[in-house]
Amino acid sequence: MADVQNGKRSRQPDPRDRLIIALYAQLKAERETREALEWVLHNGALSNEVLEAVAGDPVPAVSSEELAAVEKIIALDNRRRGH
C-alpha cells in the first residue's frame, strides 16, 4: 500500500489508499447508523418526531471538502500518468 522509494517505505500512504480507507470508514459508519436505526425502530425506542427530524435533515453523503480532496487526488494521479 505504501510507496517504496530507494528501498524504503514512505511514511505517508498513497493518496488513493487514503481515499479507499476514508470511503471504507464512511461506509462502515453508515452501516452502523442504519443498524442502530433499525434496532431503535424494531424496539419502539424512537418517537415519530425524532424520525421526522432524521428524515427531514439528512447528513450529506459527501461534503464539498471531500469532493475537493477527491478532485485533487485525481488531478495528481493524472499528472503522474502524464495525461
C-alpha atoms as a PDB file:
ATOM      1  CA  MET A   1       0.000   0.000   0.000  1.00  0.00           C
ATOM      2  CA  ALA A   2       2.783   2.474   0.792  1.00  0.00           C
ATOM      3  CA  ASP A   3       5.041   3.837  -1.908  1.00  0.00           C
ATOM      4  CA  VAL A   4       8.514   2.365  -1.986  1.00  0.00           C
ATOM      5  CA  GLN A   5      11.347   4.713  -2.887  1.00  0.00           C
ATOM      6  CA  ASN A   6      15.028   3.803  -2.697  1.00  0.00           C
ATOM      7  CA  GLY A   7      14.165   0.559  -0.934  1.00  0.00           C
ATOM      8  CA  LYS A   8      12.417   2.354   1.944  1.00  0.00           C
ATOM      9  CA  ARG A   9       8.718   2.580   2.636  1.00  0.00           C
ATOM     10  CA  SER A  10       7.330   6.087   2.762  1.00  0.00           C
ATOM     11  CA  ARG A  11       5.587   7.180   5.942  1.00  0.00           C
ATOM     12  CA  GLN A  12       2.502   8.511   4.156  1.00  0.00           C
ATOM     13  CA  PRO A  13       0.138   6.096   2.414  1.00  0.00           C
ATOM     14  CA  ASP A  14      -0.581   6.684  -1.240  1.00  0.00           C
ATOM     15  CA  PRO A  15      -3.438   9.217  -1.674  1.00  0.00           C
ATOM     16  CA  ARG A  16      -5.533   6.552  -3.387  1.00  0.00           C
ATOM     17  CA  ASP A  17      -5.056   4.226  -0.422  1.00  0.00           C
ATOM     18  CA  ARG A  18      -6.076   7.027   1.932  1.00  0.00           C
ATOM     19  CA  LEU A  19      -9.194   7.593  -0.165  1.00  0.00           C
ATOM     20  CA  ILE A  20     -10.083   3.895  -0.018  1.00  0.00           C
ATOM     21  CA  ILE A  21      -9.613   3.910   3.769  1.00  0.00           C
ATOM     22  CA  ALA A  22     -11.774   7.035   4.128  1.00  0.00           C
ATOM     23  CA  LEU A  23     -14.529   5.586   1.940  1.00  0.00           C
ATOM     24  CA  TYR A  24     -14.435   2.337   3.932  1.00  0.00           C
ATOM     25  CA  ALA A  25     -14.760   4.277   7.195  1.00  0.00           C
ATOM     26  CA  GLN A  26     -17.695   6.255   5.808  1.00  0.00           C
ATOM     27  CA  LEU A  27     -19.450   3.096   4.606  1.00  0.00           C
ATOM     28  CA  LYS A  28     -18.878   1.417   7.967  1.00  0.00           C
ATOM     29  CA  ALA A  29     -20.317   4.427   9.829  1.00  0.00           C
ATOM     30  CA  GLU A  30     -23.360   4.491   7.540  1.00  0.00           C
ATOM     31  CA  ARG A  31     -23.972   0.774   8.117  1.00  0.00           C
ATOM     32  CA  GLU A  32     -23.665   1.198  11.887  1.00  0.00           C
ATOM     33  CA  THR A  33     -26.094   4.120  11.776  1.00  0.00           C
ATOM     34  CA  ARG A  34     -28.583   2.110   9.727  1.00  0.00           C
ATOM     35  CA  GLU A  35     -28.284  -0.855  12.122  1.00  0.00           C
ATOM     36  CA  ALA A  36     -28.846   1.423  15.119  1.00  0.00           C
ATOM     37  CA  LEU A  37     -31.913   2.985  13.496  1.00  0.00           C
ATOM     38  CA  GLU A  38     -33.310  -0.458  12.664  1.00  0.00           C
ATOM     39  CA  TRP A  39     -32.837  -1.596  16.258  1.00  0.00           C
ATOM     40  CA  VAL A  40     -34.499   1.538  17.604  1.00  0.00           C
ATOM     41  CA  LEU A  41     -37.420   1.176  15.194  1.00  0.00           C
ATOM     42  CA  HIS A  42     -37.966  -2.517  15.997  1.00  0.00           C
ATOM     43  CA  ASN A  43     -37.837  -1.842  19.741  1.00  0.00           C
ATOM     44  CA  GLY A  44     -40.092   1.223  19.685  1.00  0.00           C
ATOM     45  CA  ALA A  45     -37.485   3.426  21.322  1.00  0.00           C
ATOM     46  CA  LEU A  46     -37.837   6.378  18.966  1.00  0.00           C
ATOM     47  CA  SER A  47     -40.666   8.891  18.763  1.00  0.00           C
ATOM     48  CA  ASN A  48     -42.283   9.886  15.480  1.00  0.00           C
ATOM     49  CA  GLU A  49     -40.989  13.442  15.964  1.00  0.00           C
ATOM     50  CA  VAL A  50     -37.392  12.251  16.068  1.00  0.00           C
ATOM     51  CA  LEU A  51     -37.922  10.067  12.994  1.00  0.00           C
ATOM     52  CA  GLU A  52     -39.379  13.041  11.121  1.00  0.00           C
ATOM     53  CA  ALA A  53     -36.386  15.168  12.124  1.00  0.00           C
ATOM     54  CA  VAL A  54     -33.934  12.499  10.944  1.00  0.00           C
ATOM     55  CA  ALA A  55     -35.759  12.083   7.637  1.00  0.00           C
ATOM     56  CA  GLY A  56     -36.112  15.825   7.111  1.00  0.00           C
ATOM     57  CA  ASP A  57     -32.496  16.765   7.829  1.00  0.00           C
ATOM     58  CA  PRO A  58     -30.256  14.095   6.300  1.00  0.00           C
ATOM     59  CA  VAL A  59     -26.499  14.429   6.573  1.00  0.00           C
ATOM     60  CA  PRO A  60     -24.951  14.853   3.126  1.00  0.00           C
ATOM     61  CA  ALA A  61     -23.123  11.731   1.997  1.00  0.00           C
ATOM     62  CA  VAL A  62     -20.194  13.769   0.711  1.00  0.00           C
ATOM     63  CA  SER A  63     -19.096  17.242   1.753  1.00  0.00           C
ATOM     64  CA  SER A  64     -17.648  19.861  -0.583  1.00  0.00           C
ATOM     65  CA  GLU A  65     -14.272  19.454   1.167  1.00  0.00           C
ATOM     66  CA  GLU A  66     -14.310  15.719   0.453  1.00  0.00           C
ATOM     67  CA  LEU A  67     -15.169  16.350  -3.201  1.00  0.00           C
ATOM     68  CA  ALA A  68     -12.292  18.825  -3.454  1.00  0.00           C
ATOM     69  CA  ALA A  69      -9.920  16.253  -1.938  1.00  0.00           C
ATOM     70  CA  VAL A  70     -11.047  13.587  -4.411  1.00  0.00           C
ATOM     71  CA  GLU A  71     -10.638  16.010  -7.335  1.00  0.00           C
ATOM     72  CA  LYS A  72      -7.124  16.863  -6.114  1.00  0.00           C
ATOM     73  CA  ILE A  73      -6.194  13.172  -5.896  1.00  0.00           C
ATOM     74  CA  ILE A  74      -7.484  12.569  -9.427  1.00  0.00           C
ATOM     75  CA  ALA A  75      -5.553  15.578 -10.740  1.00  0.00           C
ATOM     76  CA  LEU A  76      -2.346  14.408  -9.048  1.00  0.00           C
ATOM     77  CA  ASP A  77      -2.818  10.902 -10.428  1.00  0.00           C
ATOM     78  CA  ASN A  78      -3.389  12.269 -13.938  1.00  0.00           C
ATOM     79  CA  ARG A  79      -0.190  14.348 -13.686  1.00  0.00           C
ATOM     80  CA  ARG A  80       1.810  11.285 -12.619  1.00  0.00           C
ATOM     81  CA  ARG A  81       0.471   9.357 -15.592  1.00  0.00           C
ATOM     82  CA  GLY A  82       1.224  12.206 -17.981  1.00  0.00           C
ATOM     83  CA  HIS A  83      -2.378  12.959 -19.017  1.00  0.00           C
END
